[in-house]
């Protein structure tokens, strides 16, 4: 989940962050401010970044979600699953086009 301050993404709070907080603080995790549990600074992308570049960033940084920032504002939040699904659909469409071309359809 993106954490916003006046419309600016200042952190990400994931289930992993919550589990780490619970492991460190026990029951006190329930009263811990989000700012202390979230991951910051935020790794983000701009809307015009290539899908493969975003996937590469996510793989290398071992993250599953990326905020999409345009002009300093959050415009979307993508998951690695979203991007992999998109790539698979593109590859399948290209394969179908190639089969049609080869068979003359």
N, C-alpha and C. Protein backbone atom coordinates (compact mmCIF):
# COMPACT_ATOMS: atom_id res chain seq x y z
N UNK A 1 0.84 -1.15 0.00
CA UNK A 1 0.00 0.00 0.00
C UNK A 1 0.90 1.24 0.00
N UNK A 2 0.63 2.16 -0.92
CA UNK A 2 1.42 3.39 -0.90
C UNK A 2 1.04 4.26 0.30
N UNK A 3 2.02 4.90 0.88
CA UNK A 3 1.79 5.83 1.99
C UNK A 3 2.01 7.24 1.43
N UNK A 4 0.98 8.06 1.53
CA UNK A 4 1.01 9.40 0.95
C UNK A 4 1.09 10.46 2.04
N UNK A 5 1.80 11.53 1.72
CA UNK A 5 1.83 12.72 2.56
C UNK A 5 1.57 13.90 1.64
N UNK A 6 0.40 14.51 1.77
CA UNK A 6 -0.01 15.61 0.90
C UNK A 6 0.07 15.24 -0.58
N UNK A 7 -0.34 14.01 -0.90
CA UNK A 7 -0.36 13.56 -2.29
C UNK A 7 0.95 13.02 -2.82
N UNK A 8 2.01 13.09 -2.02
CA UNK A 8 3.32 12.58 -2.44
C UNK A 8 3.56 11.22 -1.79
N UNK A 9 4.02 10.26 -2.57
CA UNK A 9 4.31 8.93 -2.03
C UNK A 9 5.60 9.02 -1.22
N UNK A 10 5.50 8.73 0.07
CA UNK A 10 6.66 8.81 0.96
C UNK A 10 7.12 7.43 1.44
N UNK A 11 6.33 6.41 1.16
CA UNK A 11 6.71 5.06 1.57
C UNK A 11 5.75 4.04 1.01
N UNK A 12 6.08 2.79 1.26
CA UNK A 12 5.24 1.66 0.90
C UNK A 12 5.09 0.82 2.16
N UNK A 13 3.87 0.42 2.48
CA UNK A 13 3.64 -0.48 3.61
C UNK A 13 3.14 -1.80 3.05
N UNK A 14 3.94 -2.82 3.22
CA UNK A 14 3.58 -4.14 2.69
C UNK A 14 3.31 -5.11 3.84
N UNK A 15 2.76 -6.25 3.50
CA UNK A 15 2.54 -7.27 4.52
C UNK A 15 3.88 -7.71 5.13
N UNK A 16 4.93 -7.69 4.33
CA UNK A 16 6.26 -8.03 4.82
C UNK A 16 6.72 -7.01 5.88
N UNK A 17 6.46 -5.71 5.63
CA UNK A 17 6.80 -4.68 6.61
C UNK A 17 6.06 -4.91 7.92
N UNK A 18 4.78 -5.26 7.82
CA UNK A 18 3.99 -5.50 9.03
C UNK A 18 4.53 -6.71 9.80
N UNK A 19 4.86 -7.78 9.08
CA UNK A 19 5.41 -8.97 9.75
C UNK A 19 6.73 -8.66 10.44
N UNK A 20 7.59 -7.89 9.79
CA UNK A 20 8.86 -7.51 10.41
C UNK A 20 8.61 -6.67 11.66
N UNK A 21 7.64 -5.78 11.59
CA UNK A 21 7.31 -4.93 12.74
C UNK A 21 6.79 -5.79 13.89
N UNK A 22 5.93 -6.73 13.60
CA UNK A 22 5.40 -7.63 14.64
C UNK A 22 6.53 -8.47 15.24
N UNK A 23 7.44 -8.95 14.41
CA UNK A 23 8.56 -9.75 14.90
C UNK A 23 9.46 -8.93 15.83
N UNK A 24 9.65 -7.64 15.51
CA UNK A 24 10.51 -6.77 16.33
C UNK A 24 9.80 -6.29 17.60
N UNK A 25 8.53 -5.94 17.46
CA UNK A 25 7.85 -5.24 18.55
C UNK A 25 6.76 -6.02 19.25
N UNK A 26 6.42 -7.19 18.70
CA UNK A 26 5.34 -7.96 19.31
C UNK A 26 4.03 -7.21 19.25
N UNK A 27 3.29 -7.27 20.34
CA UNK A 27 1.97 -6.64 20.39
C UNK A 27 2.04 -5.12 20.22
N UNK A 28 3.18 -4.52 20.54
CA UNK A 28 3.34 -3.08 20.37
C UNK A 28 3.30 -2.66 18.89
N UNK A 29 3.41 -3.63 18.00
CA UNK A 29 3.33 -3.31 16.57
C UNK A 29 1.98 -2.68 16.22
N UNK A 30 0.95 -3.01 17.00
CA UNK A 30 -0.39 -2.50 16.71
C UNK A 30 -0.50 -0.99 16.92
N UNK A 31 0.40 -0.42 17.70
CA UNK A 31 0.36 1.03 17.95
C UNK A 31 1.54 1.76 17.32
N UNK A 32 2.31 1.03 16.52
CA UNK A 32 3.47 1.62 15.85
C UNK A 32 2.99 2.51 14.70
N UNK A 33 3.49 3.74 14.60
CA UNK A 33 3.11 4.59 13.46
C UNK A 33 3.55 3.95 12.13
N UNK A 34 2.73 4.12 11.13
CA UNK A 34 3.03 3.58 9.80
C UNK A 34 4.40 4.06 9.33
N UNK A 35 4.74 5.30 9.61
CA UNK A 35 6.03 5.85 9.17
C UNK A 35 7.21 5.06 9.71
N UNK A 36 7.05 4.39 10.84
CA UNK A 36 8.14 3.60 11.41
C UNK A 36 8.20 2.19 10.84
N UNK A 37 7.11 1.72 10.26
CA UNK A 37 7.07 0.35 9.74
C UNK A 37 7.25 0.29 8.22
N UNK A 38 6.95 1.37 7.52
CA UNK A 38 6.95 1.35 6.06
C UNK A 38 8.37 1.29 5.49
N UNK A 39 8.44 0.90 4.24
CA UNK A 39 9.69 0.92 3.50
C UNK A 39 9.83 2.28 2.84
N UNK A 40 10.95 2.92 3.10
CA UNK A 40 11.24 4.23 2.51
C UNK A 40 12.75 4.34 2.37
N UNK A 41 13.26 5.05 1.40
CA UNK A 41 12.55 5.82 0.39
C UNK A 41 11.89 4.90 -0.64
N UNK A 42 10.98 5.47 -1.38
CA UNK A 42 10.20 4.72 -2.35
C UNK A 42 10.96 4.54 -3.65
N UNK A 43 10.90 3.34 -4.17
CA UNK A 43 11.38 3.07 -5.52
C UNK A 43 10.15 3.17 -6.41
N UNK A 44 10.20 4.02 -7.41
CA UNK A 44 9.04 4.24 -8.26
C UNK A 44 9.46 4.31 -9.72
N UNK A 45 8.46 4.34 -10.58
CA UNK A 45 8.69 4.48 -12.02
C UNK A 45 7.80 5.59 -12.55
N UNK A 46 8.12 6.04 -13.76
CA UNK A 46 7.29 7.01 -14.47
C UNK A 46 6.42 6.26 -15.48
N UNK A 47 5.33 6.85 -15.92
CA UNK A 47 4.41 6.15 -16.81
C UNK A 47 5.01 5.67 -18.13
N UNK A 48 6.06 6.34 -18.61
CA UNK A 48 6.60 5.98 -19.92
C UNK A 48 7.72 4.94 -19.87
N UNK A 49 8.01 4.38 -18.71
CA UNK A 49 9.07 3.37 -18.62
C UNK A 49 8.62 2.09 -19.34
N UNK A 50 9.54 1.44 -19.99
CA UNK A 50 9.25 0.19 -20.69
C UNK A 50 8.93 -0.92 -19.69
N UNK A 51 8.02 -1.79 -20.05
CA UNK A 51 7.62 -2.89 -19.18
C UNK A 51 8.83 -3.73 -18.78
N UNK A 52 9.70 -4.04 -19.75
CA UNK A 52 10.87 -4.87 -19.42
C UNK A 52 11.80 -4.16 -18.44
N UNK A 53 11.90 -2.86 -18.53
CA UNK A 53 12.72 -2.10 -17.58
C UNK A 53 12.12 -2.16 -16.18
N UNK A 54 10.80 -2.02 -16.10
CA UNK A 54 10.13 -2.11 -14.80
C UNK A 54 10.30 -3.50 -14.21
N UNK A 55 10.14 -4.54 -15.04
CA UNK A 55 10.33 -5.91 -14.56
C UNK A 55 11.75 -6.14 -14.07
N UNK A 56 12.71 -5.61 -14.80
CA UNK A 56 14.11 -5.74 -14.40
C UNK A 56 14.37 -5.07 -13.06
N UNK A 57 13.84 -3.86 -12.89
CA UNK A 57 13.99 -3.14 -11.64
C UNK A 57 13.39 -3.95 -10.48
N UNK A 58 12.20 -4.47 -10.70
CA UNK A 58 11.53 -5.23 -9.65
C UNK A 58 12.30 -6.50 -9.30
N UNK A 59 12.84 -7.16 -10.31
CA UNK A 59 13.60 -8.38 -10.08
C UNK A 59 14.88 -8.09 -9.32
N UNK A 60 15.62 -7.08 -9.75
CA UNK A 60 16.89 -6.76 -9.10
C UNK A 60 16.72 -6.22 -7.69
N UNK A 61 15.66 -5.46 -7.45
CA UNK A 61 15.43 -4.89 -6.12
C UNK A 61 14.58 -5.80 -5.24
N UNK A 62 14.10 -6.91 -5.82
CA UNK A 62 13.29 -7.89 -5.09
C UNK A 62 12.04 -7.25 -4.49
N UNK A 63 11.32 -6.52 -5.35
CA UNK A 63 10.08 -5.90 -4.92
C UNK A 63 8.94 -6.37 -5.81
N UNK A 64 7.74 -6.36 -5.27
CA UNK A 64 6.59 -6.89 -6.00
C UNK A 64 5.62 -5.83 -6.49
N UNK A 65 5.76 -4.60 -5.99
CA UNK A 65 4.85 -3.53 -6.38
C UNK A 65 5.62 -2.24 -6.59
N UNK A 66 5.18 -1.47 -7.57
CA UNK A 66 5.82 -0.18 -7.87
C UNK A 66 4.77 0.90 -8.04
N UNK A 67 4.96 2.02 -7.35
CA UNK A 67 4.10 3.16 -7.63
C UNK A 67 4.54 3.80 -8.95
N UNK A 68 3.56 4.25 -9.71
CA UNK A 68 3.83 4.97 -10.95
C UNK A 68 3.57 6.45 -10.65
N UNK A 69 4.63 7.25 -10.78
CA UNK A 69 4.58 8.66 -10.41
C UNK A 69 4.69 9.51 -11.67
N UNK A 70 3.78 10.47 -11.80
CA UNK A 70 3.81 11.40 -12.93
C UNK A 70 3.68 12.81 -12.37
N UNK A 71 4.70 13.61 -12.58
CA UNK A 71 4.69 14.97 -12.07
C UNK A 71 4.61 15.03 -10.55
N UNK A 72 5.22 14.07 -9.89
CA UNK A 72 5.22 14.04 -8.44
C UNK A 72 3.98 13.45 -7.81
N UNK A 73 3.01 13.04 -8.63
CA UNK A 73 1.74 12.50 -8.12
C UNK A 73 1.61 11.02 -8.47
N UNK A 74 1.02 10.27 -7.56
CA UNK A 74 0.73 8.85 -7.79
C UNK A 74 -0.39 8.72 -8.82
N UNK A 75 -0.11 8.01 -9.92
CA UNK A 75 -1.13 7.82 -10.95
C UNK A 75 -1.53 6.36 -11.10
N UNK A 76 -0.71 5.45 -10.58
CA UNK A 76 -1.01 4.02 -10.65
C UNK A 76 -0.10 3.27 -9.68
N UNK A 77 -0.44 2.01 -9.50
CA UNK A 77 0.35 1.13 -8.65
C UNK A 77 0.35 -0.21 -9.35
N UNK A 78 1.50 -0.68 -9.84
CA UNK A 78 1.55 -1.91 -10.61
C UNK A 78 2.26 -3.01 -9.82
N UNK A 79 1.82 -4.23 -10.09
CA UNK A 79 2.46 -5.38 -9.46
C UNK A 79 3.28 -6.13 -10.50
N UNK A 80 4.17 -6.96 -10.02
CA UNK A 80 4.97 -7.77 -10.94
C UNK A 80 4.05 -8.69 -11.72
N UNK A 81 2.96 -9.14 -11.09
CA UNK A 81 1.98 -9.98 -11.78
C UNK A 81 1.32 -9.26 -12.94
N UNK A 82 1.01 -7.96 -12.75
CA UNK A 82 0.43 -7.16 -13.84
C UNK A 82 1.36 -7.13 -15.04
N UNK A 83 2.64 -6.89 -14.77
CA UNK A 83 3.61 -6.74 -15.84
C UNK A 83 3.91 -8.07 -16.53
N UNK A 84 3.99 -9.16 -15.76
CA UNK A 84 4.22 -10.48 -16.36
C UNK A 84 3.02 -10.87 -17.23
N UNK A 85 1.82 -10.63 -16.75
CA UNK A 85 0.61 -10.92 -17.53
C UNK A 85 0.63 -10.16 -18.85
N UNK A 86 0.98 -8.88 -18.80
CA UNK A 86 1.07 -8.07 -20.01
C UNK A 86 2.07 -8.66 -20.99
N UNK A 87 3.25 -9.04 -20.49
CA UNK A 87 4.29 -9.60 -21.36
C UNK A 87 3.83 -10.91 -22.00
N UNK A 88 3.19 -11.77 -21.23
CA UNK A 88 2.70 -13.04 -21.77
C UNK A 88 1.67 -12.79 -22.86
N UNK A 89 0.76 -11.86 -22.62
CA UNK A 89 -0.25 -11.53 -23.64
C UNK A 89 0.40 -11.02 -24.92
N UNK A 90 1.41 -10.17 -24.79
CA UNK A 90 2.13 -9.65 -25.96
C UNK A 90 2.84 -10.76 -26.71
N UNK A 91 3.51 -11.64 -25.98
CA UNK A 91 4.24 -12.75 -26.61
C UNK A 91 3.27 -13.67 -27.33
N UNK A 92 2.13 -13.97 -26.71
CA UNK A 92 1.13 -14.83 -27.36
C UNK A 92 0.56 -14.16 -28.61
N UNK A 93 0.33 -12.86 -28.56
CA UNK A 93 -0.18 -12.15 -29.74
C UNK A 93 0.85 -12.16 -30.87
N UNK A 94 2.12 -11.96 -30.53
CA UNK A 94 3.18 -12.00 -31.54
C UNK A 94 3.30 -13.39 -32.15
N UNK A 95 3.18 -14.43 -31.33
CA UNK A 95 3.25 -15.81 -31.84
C UNK A 95 2.08 -16.10 -32.77
N UNK A 96 0.89 -15.63 -32.40
CA UNK A 96 -0.29 -15.83 -33.26
C UNK A 96 -0.12 -15.11 -34.59
N UNK A 97 0.41 -13.89 -34.55
CA UNK A 97 0.64 -13.14 -35.78
C UNK A 97 1.66 -13.85 -36.66
N UNK A 98 2.69 -14.39 -36.06
CA UNK A 98 3.71 -15.12 -36.82
C UNK A 98 3.12 -16.39 -37.44
N UNK A 99 2.28 -17.11 -36.69
CA UNK A 99 1.63 -18.32 -37.25
C UNK A 99 0.74 -17.94 -38.41
N UNK A 100 -0.03 -16.84 -38.27
CA UNK A 100 -0.89 -16.40 -39.36
C UNK A 100 -0.07 -16.02 -40.59
N UNK A 101 1.03 -15.36 -40.38
CA UNK A 101 1.91 -14.95 -41.47
C UNK A 101 2.47 -16.18 -42.19
N UNK A 102 2.91 -17.17 -41.44
CA UNK A 102 3.52 -18.38 -42.02
C UNK A 102 2.49 -19.18 -42.78
N UNK A 103 1.28 -19.29 -42.22
CA UNK A 103 0.25 -20.11 -42.88
C UNK A 103 -0.52 -19.32 -43.95
N UNK A 104 -0.25 -18.03 -44.05
CA UNK A 104 -0.90 -17.20 -45.06
C UNK A 104 -2.34 -16.85 -44.73
N UNK A 105 -2.68 -16.95 -43.46
CA UNK A 105 -4.07 -16.66 -43.05
C UNK A 105 -4.36 -15.19 -43.05
